[in-house]
Structures are given as structure tokens and as C-alpha cells.
Amino acid sequence: MQTLEITKSEGLGTAIERPLTVCFVCTGNTCRSPMAAAMLNDKTRIPPVCSMGDIERLLNTKKIRATSAGLFATGAPIAPNAIEALERAGVRSLPDNPYREHISRTLDIDTVEACDLIIGMTGTHVMHLMAAFPAYASKICGMPADIPDPYGGDGAVYDACLAAIAQGLSEMFFAEDAHENNNS
């Protein structure tokens, strides 16, 4: 399992640095990868600053922007059950995270070059990514555990998929937060 070290901001200057760019990749880019991108964008969304008390929250927000793509995408919209699962989980489609408008796309070299990290949703996706983009192998990794494809399943299947995604994101991006909370 690979854990990413993403440090908390030390001051306002670092709050405006370029975010880490992440692209999640699955097969058709209608279920798993757009749900992962939407969830990570939601968890790392910079909150509106309303008071001095919100400044610390702003400074401690991880600077990450997530997108998604597929190995064999067809230009289809995000699956309706994926939208419903995200909404049940409290992930809202907002202007800075407009997952309801998502249209699947095939991963291309421009996206690979533009992103800091390419994350396959399963080991098979990682193998395909490594074969297709060997020069970028240092950017490619997988989720801590394979995320099963919910395509064609009911709401419960999508909820279980999203829970697996949330667990993987927690392990990859927020492990130090959980450690800090356990030590409080």
C-alpha cells in the first residue's frame, strides 16, 4: 500500500500554491473514477472563509484537484446510481466539483502529463496504465485495494463501491489526519 505524504499548510502563502493534480482511472469512466474524483474534490474543497475561526481550517485544507478518465470511455454521462450514491454520502455537485455534468473521456497523454498522480481503480487498470504510458510509471499507482465495478448494480452496490473508495482515499490522502485525531 502506498501512502502519500501531503503536508499541511504552514501559512497563507502556501494556501495559494498549485494543488496536487490527481486523475482517477477506471474502465468506462462512468462510475468508479468519477465518484472517486468527486469525493476527493469534496473532501479537499477549500471552504469559504467567513470568520477568523475559519482561517485555520482554510490553512489546513489539502490542496488537491481531482479529475477522472477511463481506459475505454465512450462519452457517456456519469451513471445515475453514481450520482445518487454521492448525494446519499453528502457529496454535493457544486461549480468547483460539477460531477453531475461529468461526461466520460478516455485518458490521453495530455492528461497524463498534466497530472501529478494517476490512480488506477484496480490492479488491472494500473497494469494497463503502465503499458500505455511507461515513461510516466513514477506517476502511476493504484488504490490500496481494488474497487469493484458497480456498473449495472443497484443503489446498495453503488453505496458499497463508494464506501470502498472513501476507505481508499482515507488511506492514501488522509492517513496523517486519522493519526492526529487518534492522538488528540
C-alpha atoms as a PDB file:
ATOM      1  CA  MET A   1       0.000   0.000   0.000  1.00  0.00           C
ATOM      2  CA  GLN A   2       1.288   3.430  -0.913  1.00  0.00           C
ATOM      3  CA  THR A   3       0.582   6.329   1.433  1.00  0.00           C
ATOM      4  CA  LEU A   4       1.021   9.814   0.082  1.00  0.00           C
ATOM      5  CA  GLU A   5       2.667  12.457   2.208  1.00  0.00           C
ATOM      6  CA  ILE A   6       0.776  15.700   1.768  1.00  0.00           C
ATOM      7  CA  THR A   7       1.749  18.229   4.385  1.00  0.00           C
ATOM      8  CA  LYS A   8      -0.496  20.797   5.971  1.00  0.00           C
ATOM      9  CA  SER A   9      -0.004  24.430   5.080  1.00  0.00           C
ATOM     10  CA  GLU A  10       2.435  26.442   7.144  1.00  0.00           C
ATOM     11  CA  GLY A  11       0.991  29.825   6.226  1.00  0.00           C
ATOM     12  CA  LEU A  12      -1.233  31.771   3.877  1.00  0.00           C
ATOM     13  CA  GLY A  13       1.437  31.787   1.150  1.00  0.00           C
ATOM     14  CA  THR A  14       1.247  28.015   0.812  1.00  0.00           C
ATOM     15  CA  ALA A  15      -2.545  28.123   0.711  1.00  0.00           C
ATOM     16  CA  ILE A  16      -2.415  29.510  -2.822  1.00  0.00           C
ATOM     17  CA  GLU A  17       0.232  27.148  -4.214  1.00  0.00           C
ATOM     18  CA  ARG A  18      -0.632  24.931  -7.166  1.00  0.00           C
ATOM     19  CA  PRO A  19      -2.667  21.953  -5.982  1.00  0.00           C
ATOM     20  CA  LEU A  20      -1.609  18.351  -6.403  1.00  0.00           C
ATOM     21  CA  THR A  21      -3.452  17.144  -9.506  1.00  0.00           C
ATOM     22  CA  VAL A  22      -4.820  13.605  -9.422  1.00  0.00           C
ATOM     23  CA  CYS A  23      -6.552  11.609 -12.155  1.00  0.00           C
ATOM     24  CA  PHE A  24      -8.525   8.502 -11.198  1.00  0.00           C
ATOM     25  CA  VAL A  25      -8.806   5.919 -13.968  1.00  0.00           C
ATOM     26  CA  CYS A  26     -11.250   3.047 -14.400  1.00  0.00           C
ATOM     27  CA  THR A  27     -12.633   1.277 -17.446  1.00  0.00           C
ATOM     28  CA  GLY A  28     -15.542   3.344 -18.794  1.00  0.00           C
ATOM     29  CA  ASN A  29     -15.263   6.474 -16.612  1.00  0.00           C
ATOM     30  CA  THR A  30     -18.948   6.471 -15.680  1.00  0.00           C
ATOM     31  CA  CYS A  31     -18.896   5.018 -12.141  1.00  0.00           C
ATOM     32  CA  ARG A  32     -15.777   4.430 -10.048  1.00  0.00           C
ATOM     33  CA  SER A  33     -13.338   7.066 -11.267  1.00  0.00           C
ATOM     34  CA  PRO A  34     -15.819   9.974 -11.385  1.00  0.00           C
ATOM     35  CA  MET A  35     -17.099   9.009  -7.917  1.00  0.00           C
ATOM     36  CA  ALA A  36     -13.522   8.956  -6.595  1.00  0.00           C
ATOM     37  CA  ALA A  37     -12.743  12.348  -8.145  1.00  0.00           C
ATOM     38  CA  ALA A  38     -15.976  13.874  -6.824  1.00  0.00           C
ATOM     39  CA  MET A  39     -15.376  12.527  -3.322  1.00  0.00           C
ATOM     40  CA  LEU A  40     -11.741  13.695  -3.176  1.00  0.00           C
ATOM     41  CA  ASN A  41     -12.674  17.124  -4.530  1.00  0.00           C
ATOM     42  CA  ASP A  42     -15.392  17.374  -1.895  1.00  0.00           C
ATOM     43  CA  LYS A  43     -13.054  16.358   0.946  1.00  0.00           C
ATOM     44  CA  THR A  44     -10.384  18.838  -0.136  1.00  0.00           C
ATOM     45  CA  ARG A  45     -12.669  21.696  -1.141  1.00  0.00           C
ATOM     46  CA  ILE A  46     -11.449  24.979   0.260  1.00  0.00           C
ATOM     47  CA  PRO A  47     -14.269  26.243   2.450  1.00  0.00           C
ATOM     48  CA  PRO A  48     -15.478  29.815   2.172  1.00  0.00           C
ATOM     49  CA  VAL A  49     -13.741  31.943   4.782  1.00  0.00           C
ATOM     50  CA  CYS A  50     -16.410  33.596   6.897  1.00  0.00           C
ATOM     51  CA  SER A  51     -14.607  34.375  10.126  1.00  0.00           C
ATOM     52  CA  MET A  52     -11.217  34.307  11.780  1.00  0.00           C
ATOM     53  CA  GLY A  53     -12.088  30.847  13.106  1.00  0.00           C
ATOM     54  CA  ASP A  54     -12.289  29.567   9.527  1.00  0.00           C
ATOM     55  CA  ILE A  55      -8.724  30.698   8.700  1.00  0.00           C
ATOM     56  CA  GLU A  56      -7.143  27.667  10.403  1.00  0.00           C
ATOM     57  CA  ARG A  57      -9.499  25.336   8.536  1.00  0.00           C
ATOM     58  CA  LEU A  58      -8.527  27.062   5.272  1.00  0.00           C
ATOM     59  CA  LEU A  59      -4.823  26.744   6.006  1.00  0.00           C
ATOM     60  CA  ASN A  60      -5.184  23.065   6.904  1.00  0.00           C
ATOM     61  CA  THR A  61      -7.121  22.118   3.777  1.00  0.00           C
ATOM     62  CA  LYS A  62      -5.126  19.867   1.476  1.00  0.00           C
ATOM     63  CA  LYS A  63      -4.535  21.386  -1.929  1.00  0.00           C
ATOM     64  CA  ILE A  64      -5.693  18.675  -4.318  1.00  0.00           C
ATOM     65  CA  ARG A  65      -7.697  18.797  -7.547  1.00  0.00           C
ATOM     66  CA  ALA A  66      -9.031  15.524  -8.854  1.00  0.00           C
ATOM     67  CA  THR A  67     -10.289  14.552 -12.269  1.00  0.00           C
ATOM     68  CA  SER A  68     -11.050  11.225 -13.898  1.00  0.00           C
ATOM     69  CA  ALA A  69     -10.773   9.315 -17.134  1.00  0.00           C
ATOM     70  CA  GLY A  70     -11.287   5.821 -18.476  1.00  0.00           C
ATOM     71  CA  LEU A  71      -9.260   3.343 -20.429  1.00  0.00           C
ATOM     72  CA  PHE A  72     -12.179   2.706 -22.808  1.00  0.00           C
ATOM     73  CA  ALA A  73     -14.581   5.626 -22.333  1.00  0.00           C
ATOM     74  CA  THR A  74     -17.408   6.297 -24.783  1.00  0.00           C
ATOM     75  CA  GLY A  75     -18.568   9.827 -23.954  1.00  0.00           C
ATOM     76  CA  ALA A  76     -21.391   8.593 -21.725  1.00  0.00           C
ATOM     77  CA  PRO A  77     -22.661  10.602 -18.742  1.00  0.00           C
ATOM     78  CA  ILE A  78     -21.957   9.618 -15.158  1.00  0.00           C
ATOM     79  CA  ALA A  79     -24.192   6.735 -14.078  1.00  0.00           C
ATOM     80  CA  PRO A  80     -27.390   7.886 -12.348  1.00  0.00           C
ATOM     81  CA  ASN A  81     -26.726   5.445  -9.483  1.00  0.00           C
ATOM     82  CA  ALA A  82     -23.280   7.036  -9.031  1.00  0.00           C
ATOM     83  CA  ILE A  83     -24.899  10.472  -8.664  1.00  0.00           C
ATOM     84  CA  GLU A  84     -27.411   9.097  -6.173  1.00  0.00           C
ATOM     85  CA  ALA A  85     -24.686   7.361  -4.123  1.00  0.00           C
ATOM     86  CA  LEU A  86     -22.639  10.574  -3.973  1.00  0.00           C
ATOM     87  CA  GLU A  87     -25.694  12.546  -2.900  1.00  0.00           C
ATOM     88  CA  ARG A  88     -26.565   9.984  -0.202  1.00  0.00           C
ATOM     89  CA  ALA A  89     -22.981  10.367   1.052  1.00  0.00           C
ATOM     90  CA  GLY A  90     -23.414  14.152   1.284  1.00  0.00           C
ATOM     91  CA  VAL A  91     -21.175  14.990  -1.684  1.00  0.00           C
ATOM     92  CA  ARG A  92     -22.808  17.909  -3.455  1.00  0.00           C
ATOM     93  CA  SER A  93     -22.305  18.760  -7.107  1.00  0.00           C
ATOM     94  CA  LEU A  94     -21.051  22.361  -6.979  1.00  0.00           C
ATOM     95  CA  PRO A  95     -19.409  24.690  -9.503  1.00  0.00           C
ATOM     96  CA  ASP A  96     -15.957  23.622  -8.276  1.00  0.00           C
ATOM     97  CA  ASN A  97     -16.992  19.931  -8.274  1.00  0.00           C
ATOM     98  CA  PRO A  98     -19.660  19.576 -11.003  1.00  0.00           C
ATOM     99  CA  TYR A  99     -19.855  15.781 -11.120  1.00  0.00           C
ATOM    100  CA  ARG A 100     -23.494  15.817 -12.299  1.00  0.00           C
ATOM    101  CA  GLU A 101     -22.189  17.256 -15.598  1.00  0.00           C
ATOM    102  CA  HIS A 102     -19.476  14.599 -15.999  1.00  0.00           C
ATOM    103  CA  ILE A 103     -19.068  13.037 -19.437  1.00  0.00           C
ATOM    104  CA  SER A 104     -16.725  10.052 -19.714  1.00  0.00           C
ATOM    105  CA  ARG A 105     -13.462  10.518 -21.539  1.00  0.00           C
ATOM    106  CA  THR A 106     -10.537   8.329 -22.453  1.00  0.00           C
ATOM    107  CA  LEU A 107      -7.251   9.030 -20.710  1.00  0.00           C
ATOM    108  CA  ASP A 108      -4.847  10.772 -23.081  1.00  0.00           C
ATOM    109  CA  ILE A 109      -1.211  11.810 -22.955  1.00  0.00           C
ATOM    110  CA  ASP A 110      -2.093  15.447 -22.266  1.00  0.00           C
ATOM    111  CA  THR A 111      -3.926  14.471 -19.082  1.00  0.00           C
ATOM    112  CA  VAL A 112      -1.127  12.126 -18.019  1.00  0.00           C
ATOM    113  CA  GLU A 113       1.430  14.892 -18.492  1.00  0.00           C
ATOM    114  CA  ALA A 114      -0.711  17.500 -16.710  1.00  0.00           C
ATOM    115  CA  CYS A 115      -1.424  15.377 -13.632  1.00  0.00           C
ATOM    116  CA  ASP A 116       0.925  14.712 -10.740  1.00  0.00           C
ATOM    117  CA  LEU A 117      -0.613  11.348  -9.959  1.00  0.00           C
ATOM    118  CA  ILE A 118      -2.581   8.795 -11.996  1.00  0.00           C
ATOM    119  CA  ILE A 119      -4.509   6.325  -9.821  1.00  0.00           C
ATOM    120  CA  GLY A 120      -5.935   3.111 -11.249  1.00  0.00           C
ATOM    121  CA  MET A 121      -9.046   1.839  -9.514  1.00  0.00           C
ATOM    122  CA  THR A 122      -7.790  -1.786  -9.723  1.00  0.00           C
ATOM    123  CA  GLY A 123      -4.501  -3.559 -10.262  1.00  0.00           C
ATOM    124  CA  THR A 124      -5.614  -4.384 -13.801  1.00  0.00           C
ATOM    125  CA  HIS A 125      -6.101  -0.681 -14.527  1.00  0.00           C
ATOM    126  CA  VAL A 126      -2.610   0.009 -13.170  1.00  0.00           C
ATOM    127  CA  MET A 127      -1.126  -2.648 -15.469  1.00  0.00           C
ATOM    128  CA  HIS A 128      -2.918  -1.105 -18.479  1.00  0.00           C
ATOM    129  CA  LEU A 129      -1.691   2.354 -17.468  1.00  0.00           C
ATOM    130  CA  MET A 130       1.896   1.176 -17.097  1.00  0.00           C
ATOM    131  CA  ALA A 131       1.753  -0.496 -20.515  1.00  0.00           C
ATOM    132  CA  ALA A 132       0.177   2.518 -22.207  1.00  0.00           C
ATOM    133  CA  PHE A 133       2.327   5.184 -20.506  1.00  0.00           C
ATOM    134  CA  PRO A 134       5.619   3.545 -19.467  1.00  0.00           C
ATOM    135  CA  ALA A 135       7.512   6.847 -19.461  1.00  0.00           C
ATOM    136  CA  TYR A 136       5.173   8.052 -16.681  1.00  0.00           C
ATOM    137  CA  ALA A 137       5.378   4.983 -14.444  1.00  0.00           C
ATOM    138  CA  SER A 138       6.531   7.107 -11.492  1.00  0.00           C
ATOM    139  CA  LYS A 139       3.138   8.905 -11.553  1.00  0.00           C
ATOM    140  CA  ILE A 140       1.039   5.748 -11.696  1.00  0.00           C
ATOM    141  CA  CYS A 141      -0.272   3.863  -8.677  1.00  0.00           C
ATOM    142  CA  GLY A 142      -3.384   2.013  -7.595  1.00  0.00           C
ATOM    143  CA  MET A 143      -5.944   2.330  -4.874  1.00  0.00           C
ATOM    144  CA  PRO A 144      -4.930   0.480  -1.681  1.00  0.00           C
ATOM    145  CA  ALA A 145      -7.476  -2.246  -2.578  1.00  0.00           C
ATOM    146  CA  ASP A 146      -9.222  -2.987  -5.853  1.00  0.00           C
ATOM    147  CA  ILE A 147     -12.500  -1.092  -6.165  1.00  0.00           C
ATOM    148  CA  PRO A 148     -15.186  -3.422  -7.550  1.00  0.00           C
ATOM    149  CA  ASP A 149     -17.129  -2.196 -10.564  1.00  0.00           C
ATOM    150  CA  PRO A 150     -20.722  -1.318  -9.604  1.00  0.00           C
ATOM    151  CA  TYR A 151     -21.849  -0.955 -13.235  1.00  0.00           C
ATOM    152  CA  GLY A 152     -25.347  -2.364 -13.625  1.00  0.00           C
ATOM    153  CA  GLY A 153     -25.848  -2.733  -9.879  1.00  0.00           C
ATOM    154  CA  ASP A 154     -28.492  -1.171  -7.681  1.00  0.00           C
ATOM    155  CA  GLY A 155     -28.095   1.663  -5.192  1.00  0.00           C
ATOM    156  CA  ALA A 156     -26.704  -0.628  -2.489  1.00  0.00           C
ATOM    157  CA  VAL A 157     -23.947  -1.823  -4.853  1.00  0.00           C
ATOM    158  CA  TYR A 158     -23.011   1.791  -5.648  1.00  0.00           C
ATOM    159  CA  ASP A 159     -23.073   2.715  -1.946  1.00  0.00           C
ATOM    160  CA  ALA A 160     -20.694  -0.189  -1.195  1.00  0.00           C
ATOM    161  CA  CYS A 161     -18.420   0.918  -4.044  1.00  0.00           C
ATOM    162  CA  LEU A 162     -18.381   4.481  -2.733  1.00  0.00           C
ATOM    163  CA  ALA A 163     -17.596   3.224   0.783  1.00  0.00           C
ATOM    164  CA  ALA A 164     -14.613   1.287  -0.632  1.00  0.00           C
ATOM    165  CA  ILE A 165     -13.495   4.429  -2.476  1.00  0.00           C
ATOM    166  CA  ALA A 166     -13.816   6.504   0.713  1.00  0.00           C
ATOM    167  CA  GLN A 167     -11.716   3.966   2.615  1.00  0.00           C
ATOM    168  CA  GLY A 168      -9.047   4.030  -0.092  1.00  0.00           C
ATOM    169  CA  LEU A 169      -8.974   7.831  -0.197  1.00  0.00           C
ATOM    170  CA  SER A 170      -8.685   7.933   3.570  1.00  0.00           C
ATOM    171  CA  GLU A 171      -5.699   5.571   3.494  1.00  0.00           C
ATOM    172  CA  MET A 172      -3.987   7.347   0.605  1.00  0.00           C
ATOM    173  CA  PHE A 173      -4.602  11.005   1.348  1.00  0.00           C
ATOM    174  CA  PHE A 174      -5.743  11.416   4.937  1.00  0.00           C
ATOM    175  CA  ALA A 175      -3.797   8.843   6.952  1.00  0.00           C
ATOM    176  CA  GLU A 176      -1.981  11.539   8.964  1.00  0.00           C
ATOM    177  CA  ASP A 177      -5.305  13.223   9.789  1.00  0.00           C
ATOM    178  CA  ALA A 178      -6.648   9.974  11.267  1.00  0.00           C
ATOM    179  CA  HIS A 179      -3.392   9.537  13.191  1.00  0.00           C
ATOM    180  CA  GLU A 180      -3.629  13.094  14.583  1.00  0.00           C
ATOM    181  CA  ASN A 181      -7.282  12.565  15.585  1.00  0.00           C
ATOM    182  CA  ASN A 182      -6.384   9.339  17.391  1.00  0.00           C
ATOM    183  CA  ASN A 183      -3.651  11.168  19.330  1.00  0.00           C
ATOM    184  CA  SER A 184      -5.925  14.055  20.400  1.00  0.00           C
END
